[in-house]
PDB file of N, CA and C in Angstrom:
ATOM      1  N   UNK A   1     -21.760  49.876 164.667  1.00  0.00           N
ATOM      2  CA  UNK A   1     -21.822  49.660 165.723  1.00  0.00           C
ATOM      3  C   UNK A   1     -21.213  48.045 166.266  1.00  0.00           C
ATOM      4  N   UNK A   2     -20.681  47.552 167.085  1.00  0.00           N
ATOM      5  CA  UNK A   2     -20.692  46.343 167.576  1.00  0.00           C
ATOM      6  C   UNK A   2     -21.567  46.057 168.894  1.00  0.00           C
ATOM      7  N   UNK A   3     -21.755  45.348 168.508  1.00  0.00           N
ATOM      8  CA  UNK A   3     -23.034  44.684 170.245  1.00  0.00           C
ATOM      9  C   UNK A   3     -21.877  43.484 171.325  1.00  0.00           C
ATOM     10  N   UNK A   4     -21.986  43.793 172.511  1.00  0.00           N
ATOM     11  CA  UNK A   4     -21.237  42.471 173.361  1.00  0.00           C
ATOM     12  C   UNK A   4     -22.290  41.180 173.176  1.00  0.00           C
ATOM     13  N   UNK A   5     -22.570  40.962 172.895  1.00  0.00           N
ATOM     14  CA  UNK A   5     -23.499  39.279 173.280  1.00  0.00           C
ATOM     15  C   UNK A   5     -22.599  38.801 174.313  1.00  0.00           C
ATOM     16  N   UNK A   6     -23.315  38.467 175.434  1.00  0.00           N
ATOM     17  CA  UNK A   6     -23.103  37.586 176.507  1.00  0.00           C
ATOM     18  C   UNK A   6     -23.490  35.949 176.074  1.00  0.00           C
ATOM     19  N   UNK A   7     -22.484  35.216 176.618  1.00  0.00           N
ATOM     20  CA  UNK A   7     -22.653  33.709 176.443  1.00  0.00           C
ATOM     21  C   UNK A   7     -24.139  33.132 175.559  1.00  0.00           C
ATOM     22  N   UNK A   8     -24.676  33.469 176.466  1.00  0.00           N
ATOM     23  CA  UNK A   8     -26.306  32.751 176.553  1.00  0.00           C
ATOM     24  C   UNK A   8     -26.453  33.309 175.210  1.00  0.00           C
ATOM     25  N   UNK A   9     -26.943  34.772 175.438  1.00  0.00           N
ATOM     26  CA  UNK A   9     -27.486  35.761 174.490  1.00  0.00           C
ATOM     27  C   UNK A   9     -27.030  34.982 172.392  1.00  0.00           C
ATOM     28  N   UNK A  10     -25.265  34.949 172.750  1.00  0.00           N
ATOM     29  CA  UNK A  10     -24.820  34.254 171.317  1.00  0.00           C
ATOM     30  C   UNK A  10     -25.112  32.810 171.258  1.00  0.00           C
ATOM     31  N   UNK A  11     -25.222  32.165 172.737  1.00  0.00           N
ATOM     32  CA  UNK A  11     -25.786  30.666 171.980  1.00  0.00           C
ATOM     33  C   UNK A  11     -27.019  30.496 171.366  1.00  0.00           C
ATOM     34  N   UNK A  12     -28.014  31.403 171.826  1.00  0.00           N
ATOM     35  CA  UNK A  12     -29.665  31.546 171.710  1.00  0.00           C
ATOM     36  C   UNK A  12     -29.642  31.949 170.372  1.00  0.00           C
ATOM     37  N   UNK A  13     -28.419  32.882 170.066  1.00  0.00           N
ATOM     38  CA  UNK A  13     -28.951  33.544 169.097  1.00  0.00           C
ATOM     39  C   UNK A  13     -28.515  32.317 167.581  1.00  0.00           C
ATOM     40  N   UNK A  14     -26.884  31.547 167.691  1.00  0.00           N
ATOM     41  CA  UNK A  14     -26.774  30.652 166.506  1.00  0.00           C
ATOM     42  C   UNK A  14     -28.107  29.195 166.632  1.00  0.00           C
ATOM     43  N   UNK A  15     -27.835  29.028 168.260  1.00  0.00           N
ATOM     44  CA  UNK A  15     -28.681  28.022 167.794  1.00  0.00           C
ATOM     45  C   UNK A  15     -30.172  28.358 167.203  1.00  0.00           C
ATOM     46  N   UNK A  16     -30.876  29.930 167.351  1.00  0.00           N
ATOM     47  CA  UNK A  16     -32.010  29.987 166.231  1.00  0.00           C
ATOM     48  C   UNK A  16     -31.495  29.597 164.943  1.00  0.00           C
ATOM     49  N   UNK A  17     -30.545  30.209 164.161  1.00  0.00           N
ATOM     50  CA  UNK A  17     -30.249  30.337 163.070  1.00  0.00           C
ATOM     51  C   UNK A  17     -29.685  28.549 162.406  1.00  0.00           C
ATOM     52  N   UNK A  18     -29.266  27.764 163.278  1.00  0.00           N
ATOM     53  CA  UNK A  18     -29.495  26.397 163.047  1.00  0.00           C
ATOM     54  C   UNK A  18     -30.975  25.670 163.313  1.00  0.00           C
ATOM     55  N   UNK A  19     -31.575  26.146 164.015  1.00  0.00           N
ATOM     56  CA  UNK A  19     -32.654  25.459 164.388  1.00  0.00           C
ATOM     57  C   UNK A  19     -33.741  26.395 162.698  1.00  0.00           C
ATOM     58  N   UNK A  20     -33.148  27.218 162.190  1.00  0.00           N
ATOM     59  CA  UNK A  20     -34.086  27.716 160.957  1.00  0.00           C
ATOM     60  C   UNK A  20     -33.881  26.865 159.929  1.00  0.00           C
ATOM     61  N   UNK A  21     -31.930  26.862 159.749  1.00  0.00           N
ATOM     62  CA  UNK A  21     -31.714  26.117 158.524  1.00  0.00           C
ATOM     63  C   UNK A  21     -32.117  24.573 158.468  1.00  0.00           C
ATOM     64  N   UNK A  22     -32.069  23.734 160.037  1.00  0.00           N
ATOM     65  CA  UNK A  22     -32.564  22.731 159.583  1.00  0.00           C
ATOM     66  C   UNK A  22     -33.806  22.625 159.498  1.00  0.00           C
ATOM     67  N   UNK A  23     -34.425  22.971 159.586  1.00  0.00           N
ATOM     68  CA  UNK A  23     -36.319  22.949 159.322  1.00  0.00           C
ATOM     69  C   UNK A  23     -36.634  22.889 157.844  1.00  0.00           C
ATOM     70  N   UNK A  24     -35.902  24.231 157.122  1.00  0.00           N
ATOM     71  CA  UNK A  24     -35.884  24.993 156.081  1.00  0.00           C
ATOM     72  C   UNK A  24     -36.189  23.705 154.747  1.00  0.00           C
ATOM     73  N   UNK A  25     -35.086  22.710 154.655  1.00  0.00           N
ATOM     74  CA  UNK A  25     -35.445  21.459 153.836  1.00  0.00           C
ATOM     75  C   UNK A  25     -36.663  20.346 154.252  1.00  0.00           C
ATOM     76  N   UNK A  26     -36.789  20.175 155.106  1.00  0.00           N
ATOM     77  CA  UNK A  26     -38.130  19.619 155.260  1.00  0.00           C
ATOM     78  C   UNK A  26     -39.026  20.487 154.727  1.00  0.00           C
ATOM     79  N   UNK A  27     -39.714  21.583 155.198  1.00  0.00           N
ATOM     80  CA  UNK A  27     -41.095  22.234 154.278  1.00  0.00           C
ATOM     81  C   UNK A  27     -40.814  22.327 152.939  1.00  0.00           C
ATOM     82  N   UNK A  28     -39.427  22.494 152.292  1.00  0.00           N
ATOM     83  CA  UNK A  28     -39.333  22.991 151.092  1.00  0.00           C
ATOM     84  C   UNK A  28     -39.922  21.576 150.373  1.00  0.00           C
ATOM     85  N   UNK A  29     -39.174  20.312 150.931  1.00  0.00           N
ATOM     86  CA  UNK A  29     -40.304  18.998 150.359  1.00  0.00           C
ATOM     87  C   UNK A  29     -41.116  18.846 150.783  1.00  0.00           C
ATOM     88  N   UNK A  30     -41.949  18.876 151.622  1.00  0.00           N
ATOM     89  CA  UNK A  30     -42.761  18.231 152.024  1.00  0.00           C
ATOM     90  C   UNK A  30     -43.662  19.502 150.937  1.00  0.00           C
ATOM     91  N   UNK A  31     -43.890  20.668 151.338  1.00  0.00           N
ATOM     92  CA  UNK A  31     -44.424  21.751 150.159  1.00  0.00           C
ATOM     93  C   UNK A  31     -44.414  21.532 148.423  1.00  0.00           C
ATOM     94  N   UNK A  32     -43.465  20.791 148.246  1.00  0.00           N
ATOM     95  CA  UNK A  32     -42.821  20.508 146.536  1.00  0.00           C
ATOM     96  C   UNK A  32     -43.490  19.250 146.450  1.00  0.00           C
ATOM     97  N   UNK A  33     -43.500  18.308 147.386  1.00  0.00           N
ATOM     98  CA  UNK A  33     -43.829  16.650 147.047  1.00  0.00           C
ATOM     99  C   UNK A  33     -45.703  16.440 147.751  1.00  0.00           C
ATOM    100  N   UNK A  34     -45.666  17.864 148.038  1.00  0.00           N
ATOM    101  CA  UNK A  34     -47.301  17.114 148.446  1.00  0.00           C
ATOM    102  C   UNK A  34     -47.734  16.387 148.783  1.00  0.00           C
ATOM    103  N   UNK A  35     -46.123  15.195 150.006  1.00  0.00           N
ATOM    104  CA  UNK A  35     -46.597  14.318 150.417  1.00  0.00           C
ATOM    105  C   UNK A  35     -46.096  14.438 151.727  1.00  0.00           C
ATOM    106  N   UNK A  36     -47.287  14.414 153.112  1.00  0.00           N
ATOM    107  CA  UNK A  36     -46.530  14.712 154.016  1.00  0.00           C
ATOM    108  C   UNK A  36     -47.692  13.702 155.027  1.00  0.00           C
ATOM    109  N   UNK A  37     -47.876  12.339 154.445  1.00  0.00           N
ATOM    110  CA  UNK A  37     -48.432  11.365 154.974  1.00  0.00           C
ATOM    111  C   UNK A  37     -47.779  10.440 155.655  1.00  0.00           C
ATOM    112  N   UNK A  38     -46.035  10.887 155.390  1.00  0.00           N
ATOM    113  CA  UNK A  38     -45.179   9.971 156.796  1.00  0.00           C
ATOM    114  C   UNK A  38     -45.109  10.502 158.108  1.00  0.00           C
ATOM    115  N   UNK A  39     -45.733  11.831 158.272  1.00  0.00           N
ATOM    116  CA  UNK A  39     -46.236  12.538 159.359  1.00  0.00           C
ATOM    117  C   UNK A  39     -47.366  12.665 159.745  1.00  0.00           C
ATOM    118  N   UNK A  40     -47.202  12.396 161.490  1.00  0.00           N
ATOM    119  CA  UNK A  40     -48.650  11.888 162.248  1.00  0.00           C
ATOM    120  C   UNK A  40     -49.877  13.158 162.206  1.00  0.00           C
ATOM    121  N   UNK A  41     -50.583  13.255 162.023  1.00  0.00           N
ATOM    122  CA  UNK A  41     -51.621  13.835 162.784  1.00  0.00           C
ATOM    123  C   UNK A  41     -51.233  15.171 164.184  1.00  0.00           C
ATOM    124  N   UNK A  42     -51.403  13.301 164.893  1.00  0.00           N
ATOM    125  CA  UNK A  42     -51.339  13.501 166.030  1.00  0.00           C
ATOM    126  C   UNK A  42     -50.338  14.673 166.632  1.00  0.00           C
ATOM    127  N   UNK A  43     -49.256  14.672 166.522  1.00  0.00           N
ATOM    128  CA  UNK A  43     -47.632  15.251 166.842  1.00  0.00           C
ATOM    129  C   UNK A  43     -47.895  16.443 166.116  1.00  0.00           C
ATOM    130  N   UNK A  44     -47.990  16.661 164.905  1.00  0.00           N
ATOM    131  CA  UNK A  44     -48.490  18.057 164.094  1.00  0.00           C
ATOM    132  C   UNK A  44     -49.781  18.306 165.045  1.00  0.00           C
ATOM    133  N   UNK A  45     -50.376  18.190 165.461  1.00  0.00           N
ATOM    134  CA  UNK A  45     -51.559  18.813 166.348  1.00  0.00           C
ATOM    135  C   UNK A  45     -51.385  18.714 167.646  1.00  0.00           C
ATOM    136  N   UNK A  46     -50.658  18.069 168.704  1.00  0.00           N
ATOM    137  CA  UNK A  46     -49.938  18.076 169.681  1.00  0.00           C
ATOM    138  C   UNK A  46     -48.896  19.286 169.776  1.00  0.00           C
ATOM    139  N   UNK A  47     -47.756  19.675 168.629  1.00  0.00           N
ATOM    140  CA  UNK A  47     -47.043  20.310 168.765  1.00  0.00           C
ATOM    141  C   UNK A  47     -47.339  21.915 168.310  1.00  0.00           C
ATOM    142  N   UNK A  48     -48.890  21.713 167.802  1.00  0.00           N
ATOM    143  CA  UNK A  48     -49.491  22.967 167.860  1.00  0.00           C
ATOM    144  C   UNK A  48     -49.843  23.848 169.524  1.00  0.00           C
ATOM    145  N   UNK A  49     -50.719  22.660 170.031  1.00  0.00           N
ATOM    146  CA  UNK A  49     -51.041  23.270 171.102  1.00  0.00           C
ATOM    147  C   UNK A  49     -49.336  23.329 172.360  1.00  0.00           C
ATOM    148  N   UNK A  50     -49.070  22.370 172.011  1.00  0.00           N
ATOM    149  CA  UNK A  50     -47.478  23.076 173.061  1.00  0.00           C
ATOM    150  C   UNK A  50     -47.201  24.511 172.926  1.00  0.00           C
ATOM    151  N   UNK A  51     -47.318  24.610 171.733  1.00  0.00           N
ATOM    152  CA  UNK A  51     -46.736  25.851 170.974  1.00  0.00           C
ATOM    153  C   UNK A  51     -47.292  27.055 171.529  1.00  0.00           C
ATOM    154  N   UNK A  52     -48.977  26.853 171.159  1.00  0.00           N
ATOM    155  CA  UNK A  52     -50.247  27.924 172.062  1.00  0.00           C
ATOM    156  C   UNK A  52     -49.817  28.073 173.991  1.00  0.00           C
ATOM    157  N   UNK A  53     -49.183  27.007 174.571  1.00  0.00           N
ATOM    158  CA  UNK A  53     -49.202  27.485 175.337  1.00  0.00           C
ATOM    159  C   UNK A  53     -47.640  27.862 175.500  1.00  0.00           C
ATOM    160  N   UNK A  54     -46.543  27.725 174.946  1.00  0.00           N
ATOM    161  CA  UNK A  54     -45.487  27.613 175.485  1.00  0.00           C
ATOM    162  C   UNK A  54     -45.130  29.205 174.937  1.00  0.00           C
ATOM    163  N   UNK A  55     -45.788  29.908 174.329  1.00  0.00           N
ATOM    164  CA  UNK A  55     -46.277  31.376 173.738  1.00  0.00           C
ATOM    165  C   UNK A  55     -46.434  32.526 175.344  1.00  0.00           C
ATOM    166  N   UNK A  56     -47.005  30.984 176.285  1.00  0.00           N
ATOM    167  CA  UNK A  56     -47.363  31.975 177.291  1.00  0.00           C
ATOM    168  C   UNK A  56     -46.127  32.239 178.292  1.00  0.00           C
ATOM    169  N   UNK A  57     -45.154  31.063 178.327  1.00  0.00           N
ATOM    170  CA  UNK A  57     -43.614  31.566 178.852  1.00  0.00           C
ATOM    171  C   UNK A  57     -43.311  32.570 177.768  1.00  0.00           C
ATOM    172  N   UNK A  58     -43.142  32.684 176.837  1.00  0.00           N
ATOM    173  CA  UNK A  58     -41.930  33.536 175.365  1.00  0.00           C
ATOM    174  C   UNK A  58     -42.628  34.605 176.158  1.00  0.00           C
ATOM    175  N   UNK A  59     -43.852  35.232 176.244  1.00  0.00           N
ATOM    176  CA  UNK A  59     -44.236  36.619 176.715  1.00  0.00           C
ATOM    177  C   UNK A  59     -43.307  36.932 177.780  1.00  0.00           C
ATOM    178  N   UNK A  60     -42.547  36.464 178.697  1.00  0.00           N
ATOM    179  CA  UNK A  60     -42.423  36.915 179.584  1.00  0.00           C
ATOM    180  C   UNK A  60     -40.918  37.053 179.644  1.00  0.00           C
ATOM    181  N   UNK A  61     -40.362  36.622 178.927  1.00  0.00           N
ATOM    182  CA  UNK A  61     -39.014  37.225 177.909  1.00  0.00           C
ATOM    183  C   UNK A  61     -39.293  38.452 177.341  1.00  0.00           C
ATOM    184  N   UNK A  62     -37.655  39.698 177.190  1.00  0.00           N
ATOM    185  CA  UNK A  62     -37.749  40.482 176.373  1.00  0.00           C
ATOM    186  C   UNK A  62     -37.849  39.771 174.614  1.00  0.00           C
ATOM    187  N   UNK A  63     -37.618  40.635 174.415  1.00  0.00           N
ATOM    188  CA  UNK A  63     -38.075  40.537 173.259  1.00  0.00           C
ATOM    189  C   UNK A  63     -36.431  39.983 172.244  1.00  0.00           C
ATOM    190  N   UNK A  64     -36.088  38.776 171.610  1.00  0.00           N
ATOM    191  CA  UNK A  64     -34.615  38.272 171.577  1.00  0.00           C
ATOM    192  C   UNK A  64     -34.858  37.084 170.067  1.00  0.00           C
ATOM    193  N   UNK A  65     -34.166  36.674 170.420  1.00  0.00           N
ATOM    194  CA  UNK A  65     -33.562  35.393 169.581  1.00  0.00           C
ATOM    195  C   UNK A  65     -34.638  34.118 170.122  1.00  0.00           C
ATOM    196  N   UNK A  66     -35.120  33.855 171.289  1.00  0.00           N
ATOM    197  CA  UNK A  66     -36.257  33.536 171.834  1.00  0.00           C
ATOM    198  C   UNK A  66     -37.712  33.643 171.095  1.00  0.00           C
ATOM    199  N   UNK A  67     -37.681  34.809 171.230  1.00  0.00           N
ATOM    200  CA  UNK A  67     -39.264  35.075 170.414  1.00  0.00           C
ATOM    201  C   UNK A  67     -38.934  34.836 168.600  1.00  0.00           C
ATOM    202  N   UNK A  68     -37.720  34.554 168.360  1.00  0.00           N
ATOM    203  CA  UNK A  68     -37.491  34.211 166.995  1.00  0.00           C
ATOM    204  C   UNK A  68     -37.663  32.988 166.670  1.00  0.00           C
ATOM    205  N   UNK A  69     -36.971  32.306 167.554  1.00  0.00           N
ATOM    206  CA  UNK A  69     -37.297  30.842 167.503  1.00  0.00           C
ATOM    207  C   UNK A  69     -38.262  30.403 167.477  1.00  0.00           C
ATOM    208  N   UNK A  70     -39.076  30.481 168.951  1.00  0.00           N
ATOM    209  CA  UNK A  70     -40.244  30.093 169.303  1.00  0.00           C
ATOM    210  C   UNK A  70     -41.616  30.597 167.302  1.00  0.00           C
ATOM    211  N   UNK A  71     -40.897  31.843 166.952  1.00  0.00           N
ATOM    212  CA  UNK A  71     -42.182  31.834 166.434  1.00  0.00           C
ATOM    213  C   UNK A  71     -42.285  31.235 164.871  1.00  0.00           C
ATOM    214  N   UNK A  72     -40.813  31.124 164.585  1.00  0.00           N
ATOM    215  CA  UNK A  72     -40.303  29.829 163.614  1.00  0.00           C
ATOM    216  C   UNK A  72     -40.953  29.092 163.988  1.00  0.00           C
ATOM    217  N   UNK A  73     -40.589  28.062 164.887  1.00  0.00           N
ATOM    218  CA  UNK A  73     -41.278  27.799 165.628  1.00  0.00           C
ATOM    219  C   UNK A  73     -42.546  26.498 165.686  1.00  0.00           C
ATOM    220  N   UNK A  74     -43.382  28.057 165.758  1.00  0.00           N
ATOM    221  CA  UNK A  74     -45.026  27.770 165.709  1.00  0.00           C
ATOM    222  C   UNK A  74     -45.186  27.584 164.049  1.00  0.00           C
ATOM    223  N   UNK A  75     -44.645  28.833 163.058  1.00  0.00           N
ATOM    224  CA  UNK A  75     -44.955  29.024 161.984  1.00  0.00           C
ATOM    225  C   UNK A  75     -44.515  27.699 161.394  1.00  0.00           C
ATOM    226  N   UNK A  76     -43.497  26.827 161.337  1.00  0.00           N
ATOM    227  CA  UNK A  76     -43.245  25.507 161.017  1.00  0.00           C
ATOM    228  C   UNK A  76     -44.426  25.231 161.336  1.00  0.00           C
ATOM    229  N   UNK A  77     -44.942  24.125 162.640  1.00  0.00           N
ATOM    230  CA  UNK A  77     -46.313  23.399 162.939  1.00  0.00           C
ATOM    231  C   UNK A  77     -47.158  24.317 162.324  1.00  0.00           C
ATOM    232  N   UNK A  78     -47.283  24.967 162.144  1.00  0.00           N
ATOM    233  CA  UNK A  78     -48.848  25.795 161.405  1.00  0.00           C
ATOM    234  C   UNK A  78     -48.740  25.678 160.181  1.00  0.00           C
ATOM    235  N   UNK A  79     -47.809  25.603 159.252  1.00  0.00           N
ATOM    236  CA  UNK A  79     -47.648  25.283 158.175  1.00  0.00           C
ATOM    237  C   UNK A  79     -47.452  23.974 157.370  1.00  0.00           C
ATOM    238  N   UNK A  80     -47.087  22.787 158.596  1.00  0.00           N
ATOM    239  CA  UNK A  80     -47.246  21.514 158.594  1.00  0.00           C
ATOM    240  C   UNK A  80     -48.418  20.890 158.973  1.00  0.00           C
ATOM    241  N   UNK A  81     -49.696  21.404 159.743  1.00  0.00           N
ATOM    242  CA  UNK A  81     -50.298  21.322 159.956  1.00  0.00           C
ATOM    243  C   UNK A  81     -51.853  21.660 158.667  1.00  0.00           C
ATOM    244  N   UNK A  82     -51.639  22.680 158.247  1.00  0.00           N
ATOM    245  CA  UNK A  82     -52.417  23.336 156.694  1.00  0.00           C
ATOM    246  C   UNK A  82     -51.389  22.235 155.755  1.00  0.00           C
ATOM    247  N   UNK A  83     -50.873  21.901 155.317  1.00  0.00           N
ATOM    248  CA  UNK A  83     -50.284  20.996 154.344  1.00  0.00           C
ATOM    249  C   UNK A  83     -50.800  19.900 155.083  1.00  0.00           C
ATOM    250  N   UNK A  84     -50.804  19.179 155.991  1.00  0.00           N
ATOM    251  CA  UNK A  84     -51.004  18.078 155.886  1.00  0.00           C
ATOM    252  C   UNK A  84     -52.436  17.843 155.872  1.00  0.00           C
ATOM    253  N   UNK A  85     -53.419  18.120 156.722  1.00  0.00           N
ATOM    254  CA  UNK A  85     -54.600  18.767 156.073  1.00  0.00           C
ATOM    255  C   UNK A  85     -55.599  18.749 154.403  1.00  0.00           C
ATOM    256  N   UNK A  86     -54.497  19.627 154.121  1.00  0.00           N
ATOM    257  CA  UNK A  86     -54.887  19.745 152.763  1.00  0.00           C
ATOM    258  C   UNK A  86     -53.912  18.611 151.573  1.00  0.00           C
ATOM    259  N   UNK A  87     -53.283  18.147 151.952  1.00  0.00           N
ATOM    260  CA  UNK A  87     -52.120  17.319 151.326  1.00  0.00           C
ATOM    261  C   UNK A  87     -52.699  15.578 151.553  1.00  0.00           C
ATOM    262  N   UNK A  88     -52.651  15.698 152.318  1.00  0.00           N
ATOM    263  CA  UNK A  88     -52.711  14.110 153.250  1.00  0.00           C
ATOM    264  C   UNK A  88     -54.713  13.914 153.515  1.00  0.00           C
ATOM    265  N   UNK A  89     -55.133  14.695 153.739  1.00  0.00           N
ATOM    266  CA  UNK A  89     -56.490  14.446 154.089  1.00  0.00           C
ATOM    267  C   UNK A  89     -57.108  14.856 152.122  1.00  0.00           C
ATOM    268  N   UNK A  90     -56.722  15.992 151.460  1.00  0.00           N
ATOM    269  CA  UNK A  90     -57.631  16.117 150.729  1.00  0.00           C
ATOM    270  C   UNK A  90     -58.965  17.337 151.287  1.00  0.00           C
ATOM    271  N   UNK A  91     -58.483  17.905 152.447  1.00  0.00           N
ATOM    272  CA  UNK A  91     -59.196  19.025 152.951  1.00  0.00           C
ATOM    273  C   UNK A  91     -58.891  19.815 151.915  1.00  0.00           C
ATOM    274  N   UNK A  92     -59.556  20.759 150.808  1.00  0.00           N
ATOM    275  CA  UNK A  92     -59.463  21.967 150.447  1.00  0.00           C
ATOM    276  C   UNK A  92     -60.250  23.204 151.281  1.00  0.00           C
ATOM    277  N   UNK A  93     -59.554  24.176 151.577  1.00  0.00           N
ATOM    278  CA  UNK A  93     -60.323  25.929 151.475  1.00  0.00           C
ATOM    279  C   UNK A  93     -60.605  26.568 151.130  1.00  0.00           C
ATOM    280  N   UNK A  94     -60.826  26.343 150.515  1.00  0.00           N
ATOM    281  CA  UNK A  94     -61.291  27.493 149.086  1.00  0.00           C
ATOM    282  C   UNK A  94     -63.413  27.775 149.369  1.00  0.00           C
ATOM    283  N   UNK A  95     -63.127  29.149 148.696  1.00  0.00           N
ATOM    284  CA  UNK A  95     -64.382  29.614 148.995  1.00  0.00           C
ATOM    285  C   UNK A  95     -65.997  29.027 148.193  1.00  0.00           C
ATOM    286  N   UNK A  96     -64.976  28.390 146.823  1.00  0.00           N
ATOM    287  CA  UNK A  96     -66.285  27.902 146.422  1.00  0.00           C
ATOM    288  C   UNK A  96     -66.125  26.613 146.788  1.00  0.00           C
ATOM    289  N   UNK A  97     -65.644  25.842 147.022  1.00  0.00           N
ATOM    290  CA  UNK A  97     -65.913  23.932 147.557  1.00  0.00           C
ATOM    291  C   UNK A  97     -66.568  24.620 148.885  1.00  0.00           C
ATOM    292  N   UNK A  98     -67.148  25.502 149.612  1.00  0.00           N
ATOM    293  CA  UNK A  98     -67.301  25.266 151.175  1.00  0.00           C
ATOM    294  C   UNK A  98     -68.947  26.226 150.277  1.00  0.00           C
ATOM    295  N   UNK A  99     -69.153  26.726 148.925  1.00  0.00           N
ATOM    296  CA  UNK A  99     -70.576  27.504 149.025  1.00  0.00           C
ATOM    297  C   UNK A  99     -70.851  25.756 148.225  1.00  0.00           C
ATOM    298  N   UNK A 100     -70.136  25.157 147.649  1.00  0.00           N
ATOM    299  CA  UNK A 100     -71.236  24.159 147.094  1.00  0.00           C
ATOM    300  C   UNK A 100     -71.514  23.218 147.992  1.00  0.00           C
ATOM    301  N   UNK A 101     -70.703  23.041 148.945  1.00  0.00           N
ATOM    302  CA  UNK A 101     -71.342  22.289 149.903  1.00  0.00           C
ATOM    303  C   UNK A 101     -72.526  22.454 150.582  1.00  0.00           C
ATOM    304  N   UNK A 102     -72.598  24.160 150.643  1.00  0.00           N
ATOM    305  CA  UNK A 102     -74.010  24.464 151.654  1.00  0.00           C
ATOM    306  C   UNK A 102     -74.709  24.379 150.553  1.00  0.00           C
ATOM    307  N   UNK A 103     -75.006  24.738 149.103  1.00  0.00           N
ATOM    308  CA  UNK A 103     -75.837  24.513 148.162  1.00  0.00           C
ATOM    309  C   UNK A 103     -76.676  23.225 147.980  1.00  0.00           C
TER     310      UNK A 103
END
């Protein structure tokens, strides 16, 4: 069964795929090398804040490529924040370390 996409829907789908593909090498390199010091914590933090607010806008649209694009964008920003905190600031999120700090 073939769906007839409108031009805006097709453009949204293609741009989502391109955005995902363009961000994967950055994520793979960042987590493979564990070197995120070239990234700005302020930028990553603002991206996460902006993504949170932008969800209010995305929720007003029917499920589609916009949701996929923004979900991926949000996941990338969250992964970069976690990676930055863990590898650049050496913040470990393990239960054992938290318990040792309390004792």
